C-alpha atoms as a PDB file:
ATOM      1  CA  MET A   1      76.892  84.075 100.241  1.00  0.00           C
ATOM      2  CA  PRO A   2      75.826  85.613 103.561  1.00  0.00           C
ATOM      3  CA  GLU A   3      72.285  84.807 104.686  1.00  0.00           C
ATOM      4  CA  SER A   4      69.532  87.359 104.032  1.00  0.00           C
ATOM      5  CA  ASN A   5      69.550  88.408 107.702  1.00  0.00           C
ATOM      6  CA  PHE A   6      73.363  88.812 107.756  1.00  0.00           C
ATOM      7  CA  GLU A   7      74.490  91.844 109.779  1.00  0.00           C
ATOM      8  CA  ARG A   8      77.667  93.500 108.491  1.00  0.00           C
ATOM      9  CA  ILE A   9      77.860  95.260 111.859  1.00  0.00           C
ATOM     10  CA  PRO A  10      76.662  92.716 114.444  1.00  0.00           C
ATOM     11  CA  SER A  11      74.231  94.055 117.025  1.00  0.00           C
ATOM     12  CA  THR A  12      75.552  91.639 119.655  1.00  0.00           C
ATOM     13  CA  PRO A  13      79.068  90.194 120.105  1.00  0.00           C
ATOM     14  CA  PRO A  14      79.544  87.222 117.745  1.00  0.00           C
ATOM     15  CA  VAL A  15      80.420  84.040 119.597  1.00  0.00           C
ATOM     16  CA  ILE A  16      84.000  82.802 119.266  1.00  0.00           C
ATOM     17  CA  LEU A  17      83.987  79.056 119.853  1.00  0.00           C
ATOM     18  CA  PRO A  18      86.961  77.214 121.345  1.00  0.00           C
ATOM     19  CA  LEU A  19      89.032  75.326 118.802  1.00  0.00           C
ATOM     20  CA  PRO A  20      87.870  71.771 118.077  1.00  0.00           C
ATOM     21  CA  SER A  21      89.634  69.035 119.965  1.00  0.00           C
ATOM     22  CA  GLY A  22      92.586  67.712 118.011  1.00  0.00           C
ATOM     23  CA  THR A  23      93.461  71.126 116.547  1.00  0.00           C
ATOM     24  CA  LYS A  24      97.186  71.748 116.586  1.00  0.00           C
ATOM     25  CA  ARG A  25      97.551  74.734 118.910  1.00  0.00           C
ATOM     26  CA  LEU A  26     100.339  77.280 118.464  1.00  0.00           C
ATOM     27  CA  GLN A  27     101.595  80.031 120.699  1.00  0.00           C
ATOM     28  CA  TRP A  28     100.967  82.842 118.191  1.00  0.00           C
ATOM     29  CA  SER A  29      98.495  83.782 115.468  1.00  0.00           C
ATOM     30  CA  VAL A  30      99.348  86.888 113.468  1.00  0.00           C
ATOM     31  CA  MET A  31      96.187  87.525 111.469  1.00  0.00           C
ATOM     32  CA  ILE A  32      96.382  90.214 108.800  1.00  0.00           C
ATOM     33  CA  PRO A  33      93.001  91.517 107.568  1.00  0.00           C
ATOM     34  CA  VAL A  34      93.205  93.208 104.174  1.00  0.00           C
ATOM     35  CA  TYR A  35      90.867  95.220 102.003  1.00  0.00           C
ATOM     36  CA  ASN A  36      92.776  97.159  99.333  1.00  0.00           C
ATOM     37  CA  GLY A  37      95.523  99.548 100.504  1.00  0.00           C
ATOM     38  CA  LEU A  38      97.919  97.029  98.977  1.00  0.00           C
ATOM     39  CA  ALA A  39     100.772  99.506  98.627  1.00  0.00           C
ATOM     40  CA  TYR A  40     101.502  98.925 102.321  1.00  0.00           C
ATOM     41  CA  LEU A  41     100.987  95.162 102.565  1.00  0.00           C
ATOM     42  CA  GLU A  42     104.527  94.102 101.709  1.00  0.00           C
ATOM     43  CA  GLN A  43     105.995  96.196 104.537  1.00  0.00           C
ATOM     44  CA  THR A  44     103.408  94.748 106.928  1.00  0.00           C
ATOM     45  CA  LEU A  45     104.307  91.187 105.989  1.00  0.00           C
ATOM     46  CA  ARG A  46     108.055  91.765 106.138  1.00  0.00           C
ATOM     47  CA  SER A  47     107.735  93.366 109.587  1.00  0.00           C
ATOM     48  CA  VAL A  48     106.333  90.052 110.826  1.00  0.00           C
ATOM     49  CA  LEU A  49     108.614  87.728 108.869  1.00  0.00           C
ATOM     50  CA  CYS A  50     111.773  89.370 110.203  1.00  0.00           C
ATOM     51  CA  GLN A  51     110.795  88.197 113.698  1.00  0.00           C
ATOM     52  CA  ASP A  52     109.039  84.942 112.757  1.00  0.00           C
ATOM     53  CA  PHE A  53     109.141  82.267 115.489  1.00  0.00           C
ATOM     54  CA  GLY A  54     108.659  79.533 112.889  1.00  0.00           C
ATOM     55  CA  PRO A  55     105.620  77.486 111.823  1.00  0.00           C
ATOM     56  CA  ASP A  56     105.657  75.375 115.002  1.00  0.00           C
ATOM     57  CA  ARG A  57     105.054  78.471 117.154  1.00  0.00           C
ATOM     58  CA  MET A  58     103.510  81.116 114.897  1.00  0.00           C
ATOM     59  CA  GLN A  59     100.651  81.165 112.427  1.00  0.00           C
ATOM     60  CA  ILE A  60     100.858  84.015 109.905  1.00  0.00           C
ATOM     61  CA  GLU A  61      97.826  84.450 107.669  1.00  0.00           C
ATOM     62  CA  VAL A  62      96.330  87.153 105.452  1.00  0.00           C
ATOM     63  CA  VAL A  63      92.514  87.327 105.439  1.00  0.00           C
ATOM     64  CA  ASP A  64      91.391  89.135 102.295  1.00  0.00           C
ATOM     65  CA  ASP A  65      87.954  90.774 102.286  1.00  0.00           C
ATOM     66  CA  VAL A  66      87.699  90.529  98.477  1.00  0.00           C
ATOM     67  CA  SER A  67      90.109  93.337  97.637  1.00  0.00           C
ATOM     68  CA  ASN A  68      89.481  94.728  94.143  1.00  0.00           C
ATOM     69  CA  GLU A  69      92.529  96.921  93.620  1.00  0.00           C
ATOM     70  CA  GLY A  70      95.207  94.289  93.107  1.00  0.00           C
ATOM     71  CA  ASP A  71      96.250  90.687  93.570  1.00  0.00           C
ATOM     72  CA  VAL A  72      96.602  90.037  97.291  1.00  0.00           C
ATOM     73  CA  ALA A  73      97.441  86.371  96.793  1.00  0.00           C
ATOM     74  CA  GLU A  74     100.364  87.290  94.528  1.00  0.00           C
ATOM     75  CA  ILE A  75     101.833  89.642  97.141  1.00  0.00           C
ATOM     76  CA  VAL A  76     101.450  87.010  99.866  1.00  0.00           C
ATOM     77  CA  GLU A  77     103.160  84.345  97.757  1.00  0.00           C
ATOM     78  CA  ARG A  78     105.936  86.618  96.522  1.00  0.00           C
ATOM     79  CA  VAL A  79     106.803  87.973  99.969  1.00  0.00           C
ATOM     80  CA  GLY A  80     105.999  84.913 102.055  1.00  0.00           C
ATOM     81  CA  LYS A  81     107.323  82.230  99.723  1.00  0.00           C
ATOM     82  CA  GLY A  82     104.896  79.712 101.192  1.00  0.00           C
ATOM     83  CA  ARG A  83     105.342  80.753 104.835  1.00  0.00           C
ATOM     84  CA  ILE A  84     102.239  82.990 104.990  1.00  0.00           C
ATOM     85  CA  GLY A  85      98.737  81.534 104.719  1.00  0.00           C
ATOM     86  CA  TYR A  86      96.083  83.162 102.568  1.00  0.00           C
ATOM     87  CA  TYR A  87      92.306  83.100 102.928  1.00  0.00           C
ATOM     88  CA  ARG A  88      89.887  85.046 100.719  1.00  0.00           C
ATOM     89  CA  GLN A  89      86.351  85.713 101.880  1.00  0.00           C
ATOM     90  CA  PRO A  90      83.681  84.289  99.533  1.00  0.00           C
ATOM     91  CA  VAL A  91      82.096  87.775  99.431  1.00  0.00           C
ATOM     92  CA  ASN A  92      82.957  91.143 100.939  1.00  0.00           C
ATOM     93  CA  VAL A  93      81.779  91.118 104.555  1.00  0.00           C
ATOM     94  CA  GLY A  94      83.148  94.425 105.893  1.00  0.00           C
ATOM     95  CA  ASN A  95      85.913  95.171 108.364  1.00  0.00           C
ATOM     96  CA  VAL A  96      84.127  94.045 111.545  1.00  0.00           C
ATOM     97  CA  ARG A  97      83.164  90.646 110.165  1.00  0.00           C
ATOM     98  CA  ASN A  98      86.605  90.219 108.622  1.00  0.00           C
ATOM     99  CA  PHE A  99      88.167  90.659 112.067  1.00  0.00           C
ATOM    100  CA  GLU A 100      85.759  88.009 113.357  1.00  0.00           C
ATOM    101  CA  THR A 101      86.987  85.634 110.640  1.00  0.00           C
ATOM    102  CA  CYS A 102      90.568  86.375 111.701  1.00  0.00           C
ATOM    103  CA  ILE A 103      89.809  85.331 115.273  1.00  0.00           C
ATOM    104  CA  ASN A 104      87.908  82.215 114.253  1.00  0.00           C
ATOM    105  CA  ARG A 105      90.761  81.090 111.990  1.00  0.00           C
ATOM    106  CA  ALA A 106      93.422  81.781 114.624  1.00  0.00           C
ATOM    107  CA  VAL A 107      94.932  78.684 116.236  1.00  0.00           C
ATOM    108  CA  GLY A 108      97.372  80.513 118.501  1.00  0.00           C
ATOM    109  CA  GLU A 109      97.079  81.289 122.186  1.00  0.00           C
ATOM    110  CA  TYR A 110      97.931  84.942 121.440  1.00  0.00           C
ATOM    111  CA  VAL A 111      96.042  86.646 118.597  1.00  0.00           C
ATOM    112  CA  HIS A 112      97.488  89.728 116.912  1.00  0.00           C
ATOM    113  CA  ILE A 113      95.142  91.359 114.394  1.00  0.00           C
ATOM    114  CA  LEU A 114      97.640  93.388 112.390  1.00  0.00           C
ATOM    115  CA  HIS A 115      95.862  95.464 109.750  1.00  0.00           C
ATOM    116  CA  GLY A 116      97.411  95.220 106.299  1.00  0.00           C
ATOM    117  CA  ASP A 117      98.521  98.859 106.290  1.00  0.00           C
ATOM    118  CA  ASP A 118     100.142  98.855 109.752  1.00  0.00           C
ATOM    119  CA  TYR A 119     103.392  97.246 110.896  1.00  0.00           C
ATOM    120  CA  VAL A 120     105.471  96.294 113.919  1.00  0.00           C
ATOM    121  CA  GLU A 121     109.082  96.907 114.817  1.00  0.00           C
ATOM    122  CA  PRO A 122     111.662  94.170 115.536  1.00  0.00           C
ATOM    123  CA  GLY A 123     111.214  92.762 119.013  1.00  0.00           C
ATOM    124  CA  PHE A 124     107.435  93.222 119.185  1.00  0.00           C
ATOM    125  CA  TYR A 125     106.557  89.528 119.427  1.00  0.00           C
ATOM    126  CA  LYS A 126     109.313  88.663 121.902  1.00  0.00           C
ATOM    127  CA  THR A 127     108.276  91.598 124.069  1.00  0.00           C
ATOM    128  CA  ILE A 128     104.595  90.626 124.112  1.00  0.00           C
ATOM    129  CA  THR A 129     105.459  86.972 124.783  1.00  0.00           C
ATOM    130  CA  GLN A 130     107.468  87.999 127.835  1.00  0.00           C
ATOM    131  CA  LEU A 131     104.631  90.203 129.066  1.00  0.00           C
ATOM    132  CA  PHE A 132     102.221  87.258 129.024  1.00  0.00           C
ATOM    133  CA  ILE A 133     104.800  85.096 130.816  1.00  0.00           C
ATOM    134  CA  ASP A 134     105.433  87.712 133.505  1.00  0.00           C
ATOM    135  CA  PHE A 135     101.755  88.667 133.907  1.00  0.00           C
ATOM    136  CA  PRO A 136      99.737  85.488 133.229  1.00  0.00           C
ATOM    137  CA  GLU A 137      96.566  87.078 134.629  1.00  0.00           C
ATOM    138  CA  ALA A 138      96.466  89.538 131.708  1.00  0.00           C
ATOM    139  CA  GLY A 139      93.773  88.995 129.091  1.00  0.00           C
ATOM    140  CA  ALA A 140      95.650  91.205 126.626  1.00  0.00           C
ATOM    141  CA  ALA A 141      99.000  92.950 126.284  1.00  0.00           C
ATOM    142  CA  CYS A 142     100.372  95.918 124.372  1.00  0.00           C
ATOM    143  CA  THR A 143     103.392  98.042 123.620  1.00  0.00           C
ATOM    144  CA  ASP A 144     103.443 101.745 122.936  1.00  0.00           C
ATOM    145  CA  TRP A 145     102.868 102.953 119.370  1.00  0.00           C
ATOM    146  CA  ARG A 146     103.063 105.909 116.998  1.00  0.00           C
ATOM    147  CA  VAL A 147     101.059 107.245 114.066  1.00  0.00           C
ATOM    148  CA  VAL A 148     102.957 107.351 110.758  1.00  0.00           C
ATOM    149  CA  ASP A 149     102.161 108.624 107.264  1.00  0.00           C
ATOM    150  CA  ASP A 150     102.339 106.918 103.860  1.00  0.00           C
ATOM    151  CA  MET A 151     106.129 106.929 103.984  1.00  0.00           C
ATOM    152  CA  GLY A 152     106.418 105.770 107.587  1.00  0.00           C
ATOM    153  CA  PHE A 153     107.314 109.184 109.008  1.00  0.00           C
ATOM    154  CA  PRO A 154     105.756 110.201 112.353  1.00  0.00           C
ATOM    155  CA  VAL A 155     102.604 112.314 112.057  1.00  0.00           C
ATOM    156  CA  TRP A 156     102.471 113.328 115.706  1.00  0.00           C
ATOM    157  CA  THR A 157     103.700 112.034 119.045  1.00  0.00           C
ATOM    158  CA  ASN A 158     100.930 110.571 121.177  1.00  0.00           C
ATOM    159  CA  ALA A 159     101.127 110.534 124.955  1.00  0.00           C
ATOM    160  CA  PRO A 160     102.557 107.313 126.443  1.00  0.00           C
ATOM    161  CA  VAL A 161      99.937 104.682 127.212  1.00  0.00           C
ATOM    162  CA  GLY A 162     101.385 104.001 130.653  1.00  0.00           C
ATOM    163  CA  GLU A 163     104.097 105.070 133.060  1.00  0.00           C
ATOM    164  CA  GLU A 164     106.006 101.795 133.441  1.00  0.00           C
ATOM    165  CA  ARG A 165     106.121  98.176 132.354  1.00  0.00           C
ATOM    166  CA  GLY A 166     103.467  96.051 134.003  1.00  0.00           C
ATOM    167  CA  ILE A 167      99.718  95.920 134.445  1.00  0.00           C
ATOM    168  CA  LEU A 168      98.130  99.209 133.356  1.00  0.00           C
ATOM    169  CA  LYS A 169      96.710 101.132 136.282  1.00  0.00           C
ATOM    170  CA  ASN A 170      93.178 102.553 136.359  1.00  0.00           C
ATOM    171  CA  TRP A 171      92.870 101.188 132.836  1.00  0.00           C
ATOM    172  CA  GLN A 172      89.112 100.660 132.615  1.00  0.00           C
ATOM    173  CA  GLN A 173      88.349 104.316 133.331  1.00  0.00           C
ATOM    174  CA  ARG A 174      91.211 105.630 131.195  1.00  0.00           C
ATOM    175  CA  ILE A 175      90.297 103.597 128.119  1.00  0.00           C
ATOM    176  CA  ALA A 176      86.617 104.479 128.586  1.00  0.00           C
ATOM    177  CA  ILE A 177      87.422 108.191 128.341  1.00  0.00           C
ATOM    178  CA  ARG A 178      89.576 108.071 125.210  1.00  0.00           C
ATOM    179  CA  GLN A 179      91.173 105.713 122.702  1.00  0.00           C
ATOM    180  CA  TRP A 180      94.696 105.172 123.993  1.00  0.00           C
ATOM    181  CA  LEU A 181      95.607 102.229 121.749  1.00  0.00           C
ATOM    182  CA  GLU A 182      95.527 101.558 118.026  1.00  0.00           C
ATOM    183  CA  PRO A 183      95.214  97.921 116.851  1.00  0.00           C
ATOM    184  CA  PRO A 184      98.825  97.117 115.854  1.00  0.00           C
ATOM    185  CA  ALA A 185      99.970  97.675 119.447  1.00  0.00           C
ATOM    186  CA  LYS A 186      97.507  95.240 121.053  1.00  0.00           C
ATOM    187  CA  VAL A 187      97.507  91.442 121.328  1.00  0.00           C
ATOM    188  CA  VAL A 188      94.589  89.544 122.853  1.00  0.00           C
ATOM    189  CA  LYS A 189      94.494  86.011 124.182  1.00  0.00           C
ATOM    190  CA  ARG A 190      92.200  83.786 122.150  1.00  0.00           C
ATOM    191  CA  SER A 191      90.588  82.684 125.413  1.00  0.00           C
ATOM    192  CA  THR A 192      89.636  86.342 126.043  1.00  0.00           C
ATOM    193  CA  TYR A 193      87.840  86.521 122.701  1.00  0.00           C
ATOM    194  CA  GLU A 194      86.185  83.176 123.464  1.00  0.00           C
ATOM    195  CA  ASP A 195      84.896  84.660 126.721  1.00  0.00           C
ATOM    196  CA  LEU A 196      83.772  88.062 125.429  1.00  0.00           C
ATOM    197  CA  GLY A 197      82.938  87.431 121.776  1.00  0.00           C
ATOM    198  CA  SER A 198      84.134  89.347 118.725  1.00  0.00           C
ATOM    199  CA  PHE A 199      83.804  92.974 117.590  1.00  0.00           C
ATOM    200  CA  PHE A 200      80.317  94.443 117.259  1.00  0.00           C
ATOM    201  CA  MET A 201      78.000  97.491 117.289  1.00  0.00           C
ATOM    202  CA  VAL A 202      80.152 100.048 115.432  1.00  0.00           C
ATOM    203  CA  HIS A 203      82.139 100.289 112.207  1.00  0.00           C
ATOM    204  CA  CYS A 204      84.707 103.032 112.884  1.00  0.00           C
ATOM    205  CA  CYS A 205      85.908 102.524 116.463  1.00  0.00           C
ATOM    206  CA  GLU A 206      85.193  98.835 116.980  1.00  0.00           C
ATOM    207  CA  ASP A 207      88.673  98.433 118.467  1.00  0.00           C
ATOM    208  CA  TRP A 208      88.071 101.094 121.134  1.00  0.00           C
ATOM    209  CA  LEU A 209      84.863  99.313 122.125  1.00  0.00           C
ATOM    210  CA  MET A 210      86.694  95.982 122.332  1.00  0.00           C
ATOM    211  CA  TRP A 211      89.503  97.417 124.469  1.00  0.00           C
ATOM    212  CA  ASN A 212      86.837  98.643 126.916  1.00  0.00           C
ATOM    213  CA  ARG A 213      85.104  95.292 127.055  1.00  0.00           C
ATOM    214  CA  ILE A 214      88.440  93.617 127.785  1.00  0.00           C
ATOM    215  CA  ALA A 215      89.407  96.202 130.420  1.00  0.00           C
ATOM    216  CA  ALA A 216      86.126  95.678 132.269  1.00  0.00           C
ATOM    217  CA  LYS A 217      87.047  92.047 132.966  1.00  0.00           C
ATOM    218  CA  TYR A 218      90.792  91.509 132.513  1.00  0.00           C
ATOM    219  CA  PRO A 219      94.076  93.190 133.466  1.00  0.00           C
ATOM    220  CA  VAL A 220      96.089  94.462 130.486  1.00  0.00           C
ATOM    221  CA  ALA A 221      99.902  94.230 130.483  1.00  0.00           C
ATOM    222  CA  TYR A 222     102.020  96.999 128.944  1.00  0.00           C
ATOM    223  CA  HIS A 223     105.577  97.586 127.713  1.00  0.00           C
ATOM    224  CA  PRO A 224     106.554 101.252 127.170  1.00  0.00           C
ATOM    225  CA  GLU A 225     108.789 100.832 124.106  1.00  0.00           C
ATOM    226  CA  VAL A 226     107.319 102.043 120.783  1.00  0.00           C
ATOM    227  CA  LEU A 227     107.121  98.810 118.789  1.00  0.00           C
ATOM    228  CA  ALA A 228     103.953  99.303 116.712  1.00  0.00           C
ATOM    229  CA  LYS A 229     103.116 101.754 113.933  1.00  0.00           C
ATOM    230  CA  TYR A 230      99.597 102.791 112.938  1.00  0.00           C
ATOM    231  CA  ARG A 231      99.352 104.140 109.392  1.00  0.00           C
ATOM    232  CA  ASN A 232      97.277 107.270 108.786  1.00  0.00           C
ATOM    233  CA  HIS A 233      96.359 107.597 105.100  1.00  0.00           C
ATOM    234  CA  ASP A 234      93.456 108.659 102.889  1.00  0.00           C
ATOM    235  CA  GLN A 235      92.015 105.179 102.353  1.00  0.00           C
ATOM    236  CA  ASN A 236      91.819 103.845 105.893  1.00  0.00           C
ATOM    237  CA  THR A 237      88.458 103.401 107.619  1.00  0.00           C
ATOM    238  CA  THR A 238      88.831 106.434 109.870  1.00  0.00           C
ATOM    239  CA  ALA A 239      89.902 108.810 107.117  1.00  0.00           C
ATOM    240  CA  VAL A 240      86.872 108.140 104.893  1.00  0.00           C
ATOM    241  CA  SER A 241      84.265 108.388 107.653  1.00  0.00           C
ATOM    242  CA  PHE A 242      84.181 112.087 108.571  1.00  0.00           C
ATOM    243  CA  LYS A 243      82.108 113.644 105.816  1.00  0.00           C
ATOM    244  CA  ASN A 244      79.208 111.213 106.262  1.00  0.00           C
ATOM    245  CA  ARG A 245      79.523 111.671 110.055  1.00  0.00           C
ATOM    246  CA  LYS A 246      79.948 107.924 110.584  1.00  0.00           C
ATOM    247  CA  ASN A 247      83.038 108.565 112.676  1.00  0.00           C
ATOM    248  CA  PHE A 248      81.251 111.034 114.955  1.00  0.00           C
ATOM    249  CA  LEU A 249      78.194 108.813 115.387  1.00  0.00           C
ATOM    250  CA  ASP A 250      80.256 105.714 116.165  1.00  0.00           C
ATOM    251  CA  ILE A 251      82.538 107.550 118.583  1.00  0.00           C
ATOM    252  CA  GLU A 252      79.545 108.974 120.452  1.00  0.00           C
ATOM    253  CA  LYS A 253      77.817 105.579 120.538  1.00  0.00           C
ATOM    254  CA  THR A 254      80.965 103.877 121.816  1.00  0.00           C
ATOM    255  CA  MET A 255      81.631 106.616 124.358  1.00  0.00           C
ATOM    256  CA  LEU A 256      78.143 106.226 125.847  1.00  0.00           C
ATOM    257  CA  TYR A 257      78.520 102.434 125.958  1.00  0.00           C
ATOM    258  CA  ASN A 258      81.890 102.727 127.678  1.00  0.00           C
ATOM    259  CA  ILE A 259      80.617 105.171 130.289  1.00  0.00           C
ATOM    260  CA  ALA A 260      77.528 103.077 131.008  1.00  0.00           C
ATOM    261  CA  HIS A 261      79.725 100.080 131.821  1.00  0.00           C
ATOM    262  CA  LEU A 262      81.936 101.904 134.321  1.00  0.00           C
ATOM    263  CA  PRO A 263      81.204 101.734 138.041  1.00  0.00           C
ATOM    264  CA  GLU A 264      78.376 104.170 138.691  1.00  0.00           C
ATOM    265  CA  HIS A 265      80.420 106.569 140.830  1.00  0.00           C
ATOM    266  CA  LEU A 266      82.849 107.163 137.905  1.00  0.00           C
ATOM    267  CA  ARG A 267      80.330 107.780 135.133  1.00  0.00           C
ATOM    268  CA  ALA A 268      79.586 111.511 135.403  1.00  0.00           C
ATOM    269  CA  GLU A 269      83.191 112.694 135.642  1.00  0.00           C
ATOM    270  CA  SER A 270      84.292 110.214 132.959  1.00  0.00           C
ATOM    271  CA  GLU A 271      81.655 111.321 130.453  1.00  0.00           C
ATOM    272  CA  LYS A 272      82.569 114.961 131.009  1.00  0.00           C
ATOM    273  CA  ALA A 273      86.260 114.178 130.434  1.00  0.00           C
ATOM    274  CA  SER A 274      85.495 112.093 127.340  1.00  0.00           C
ATOM    275  CA  ARG A 275      83.316 114.788 125.790  1.00  0.00           C
ATOM    276  CA  LYS A 276      86.022 117.378 126.418  1.00  0.00           C
ATOM    277  CA  ASN A 277      88.632 115.120 124.812  1.00  0.00           C
ATOM    278  CA  TYR A 278      86.601 114.552 121.643  1.00  0.00           C
ATOM    279  CA  ALA A 279      85.510 118.183 121.380  1.00  0.00           C
ATOM    280  CA  PHE A 280      89.217 119.033 121.335  1.00  0.00           C
ATOM    281  CA  TYR A 281      89.944 116.254 118.818  1.00  0.00           C
ATOM    282  CA  PHE A 282      87.203 117.244 116.359  1.00  0.00           C
ATOM    283  CA  ALA A 283      87.948 120.980 116.656  1.00  0.00           C
ATOM    284  CA  ASN A 284      91.562 120.389 115.671  1.00  0.00           C
ATOM    285  CA  LEU A 285      90.586 117.873 113.023  1.00  0.00           C
ATOM    286  CA  ALA A 286      88.297 120.426 111.338  1.00  0.00           C
ATOM    287  CA  HIS A 287      91.245 122.771 110.811  1.00  0.00           C
ATOM    288  CA  ARG A 288      93.455 119.953 109.531  1.00  0.00           C
ATOM    289  CA  GLN A 289      90.745 118.875 107.084  1.00  0.00           C
ATOM    290  CA  TRP A 290      90.369 122.436 105.807  1.00  0.00           C
ATOM    291  CA  HIS A 291      94.084 122.875 105.230  1.00  0.00           C
ATOM    292  CA  ALA A 292      94.418 119.414 103.666  1.00  0.00           C
ATOM    293  CA  ASN A 293      91.685 119.617 101.027  1.00  0.00           C
ATOM    294  CA  HIS A 294      89.958 123.029 101.342  1.00  0.00           C
ATOM    295  CA  ASP A 295      86.568 121.290 101.528  1.00  0.00           C
ATOM    296  CA  LYS A 296      84.289 123.805 103.230  1.00  0.00           C
ATOM    297  CA  GLU A 297      81.433 121.362 103.751  1.00  0.00           C
ATOM    298  CA  GLU A 298      83.610 118.669 105.321  1.00  0.00           C
ATOM    299  CA  ALA A 299      85.467 121.086 107.600  1.00  0.00           C
ATOM    300  CA  LEU A 300      82.232 122.629 108.908  1.00  0.00           C
ATOM    301  CA  ILE A 301      80.637 119.234 109.526  1.00  0.00           C
ATOM    302  CA  VAL A 302      83.609 118.193 111.656  1.00  0.00           C
ATOM    303  CA  ALA A 303      83.699 121.558 113.488  1.00  0.00           C
ATOM    304  CA  LYS A 304      79.993 121.322 114.332  1.00  0.00           C
ATOM    305  CA  ASP A 305      80.528 117.789 115.612  1.00  0.00           C
ATOM    306  CA  ALA A 306      83.122 119.185 118.033  1.00  0.00           C
ATOM    307  CA  LEU A 307      80.402 121.405 119.473  1.00  0.00           C
ATOM    308  CA  LYS A 308      78.040 118.431 119.715  1.00  0.00           C
ATOM    309  CA  PHE A 309      80.484 116.646 121.969  1.00  0.00           C
ATOM    310  CA  GLN A 310      80.878 119.651 124.226  1.00  0.00           C
ATOM    311  CA  VAL A 311      80.330 123.399 123.944  1.00  0.00           C
ATOM    312  CA  ASN A 312      83.314 124.925 125.682  1.00  0.00           C
ATOM    313  CA  ALA A 313      85.621 127.890 125.156  1.00  0.00           C
ATOM    314  CA  TYR A 314      88.035 125.828 123.070  1.00  0.00           C
ATOM    315  CA  SER A 315      85.494 124.293 120.674  1.00  0.00           C
ATOM    316  CA  VAL A 316      83.631 127.596 120.181  1.00  0.00           C
ATOM    317  CA  LYS A 317      86.856 129.517 119.587  1.00  0.00           C
ATOM    318  CA  HIS A 318      88.041 127.044 116.974  1.00  0.00           C
ATOM    319  CA  TYR A 319      84.658 126.957 115.241  1.00  0.00           C
ATOM    320  CA  LEU A 320      84.687 130.742 114.876  1.00  0.00           C
ATOM    321  CA  LYS A 321      88.313 130.676 113.801  1.00  0.00           C
ATOM    322  CA  LEU A 322      87.465 128.144 111.081  1.00  0.00           C
ATOM    323  CA  LEU A 323      84.582 130.297 109.842  1.00  0.00           C
ATOM    324  CA  LEU A 324      86.997 133.213 109.525  1.00  0.00           C
ATOM    325  CA  LYS A 325      89.502 131.090 107.604  1.00  0.00           C
ATOM    326  CA  ILE A 326      86.807 129.905 105.193  1.00  0.00           C
ATOM    327  CA  ALA A 327      85.416 133.415 104.713  1.00  0.00           C
ATOM    328  CA  THR A 328      88.832 134.853 103.904  1.00  0.00           C
ATOM    329  CA  GLY A 329      90.006 131.823 101.909  1.00  0.00           C
ATOM    330  CA  TYR A 330      92.955 131.329 104.289  1.00  0.00           C
ATOM    331  CA  MET A 331      94.918 128.228 103.251  1.00  0.00           C
ATOM    332  CA  GLY A 332      97.997 128.478 105.491  1.00  0.00           C
ATOM    333  CA  LYS A 333      99.216 126.029 108.090  1.00  0.00           C
ATOM    334  CA  THR A 334      97.012 124.922 110.935  1.00  0.00           C
ATOM    335  CA  LYS A 335      97.453 127.010 114.082  1.00  0.00           C
END
């Protein structure tokens, strides 16, 4: 059981200790944190197994945060046939602490935290390996990615993370302003986690915070091919966090942290750009929420949060437009 003073969301970065001497080190650790959402787990596991480097180079392990909607161990055994490790937390510790466990249990030089509802395309691990070989100074590496729905169909096309293969340019400022990368696309050296510590401070955008902490100290290598897929569905952490405003509060908290850790001469313009970006994001999200579930309360909460990020012509226009839709009962497509 966790101690009485256990923090589900650590207030400071948890220490990641180097592996004990005598530990058999591998090149790769693919760590798969799971809490329910088991309908997607088999695809996640198979996406890794089809490009497995073998047990002498790659650790593959599922870390189960006490899922209560199915038998995770059975899925791991059936799909992995003994190749995939399985660890179940003694008690539910929450997503941030589960990621910390993933890092601590990783024995590979490169650590890929692949959430149990996301997946990677063939060639992902070879591509990332080559990036680290070509750019050894990088503390992390990534490919491009796309958002997909329950069935794996694209939801929208995000802007490319970079312009060309290599070290990302102006990355610290860019990643401070907005979240350019979802977790399946990013791989971090274990030594980077040992230097910086694990995830902390926020529940909903802990990855965005981590990418900023990495960018402040290390170059990040990039390959432009879309080799990672981030699943957008009703049960994921982001989707359930809008009505209680947890998403807004964590985004704002992370944004302010990111800006404060930029060079001073970049802070004012970067905060303005970040607020504009998230005002746009929340204004559009409010309309999507309304059309998806016709929940007046939820849609208005999200629309008001857009205005809290920044009052501009776009956010005001879309707030008034949403009020009109609600008043008239308009249920058509988002415009």
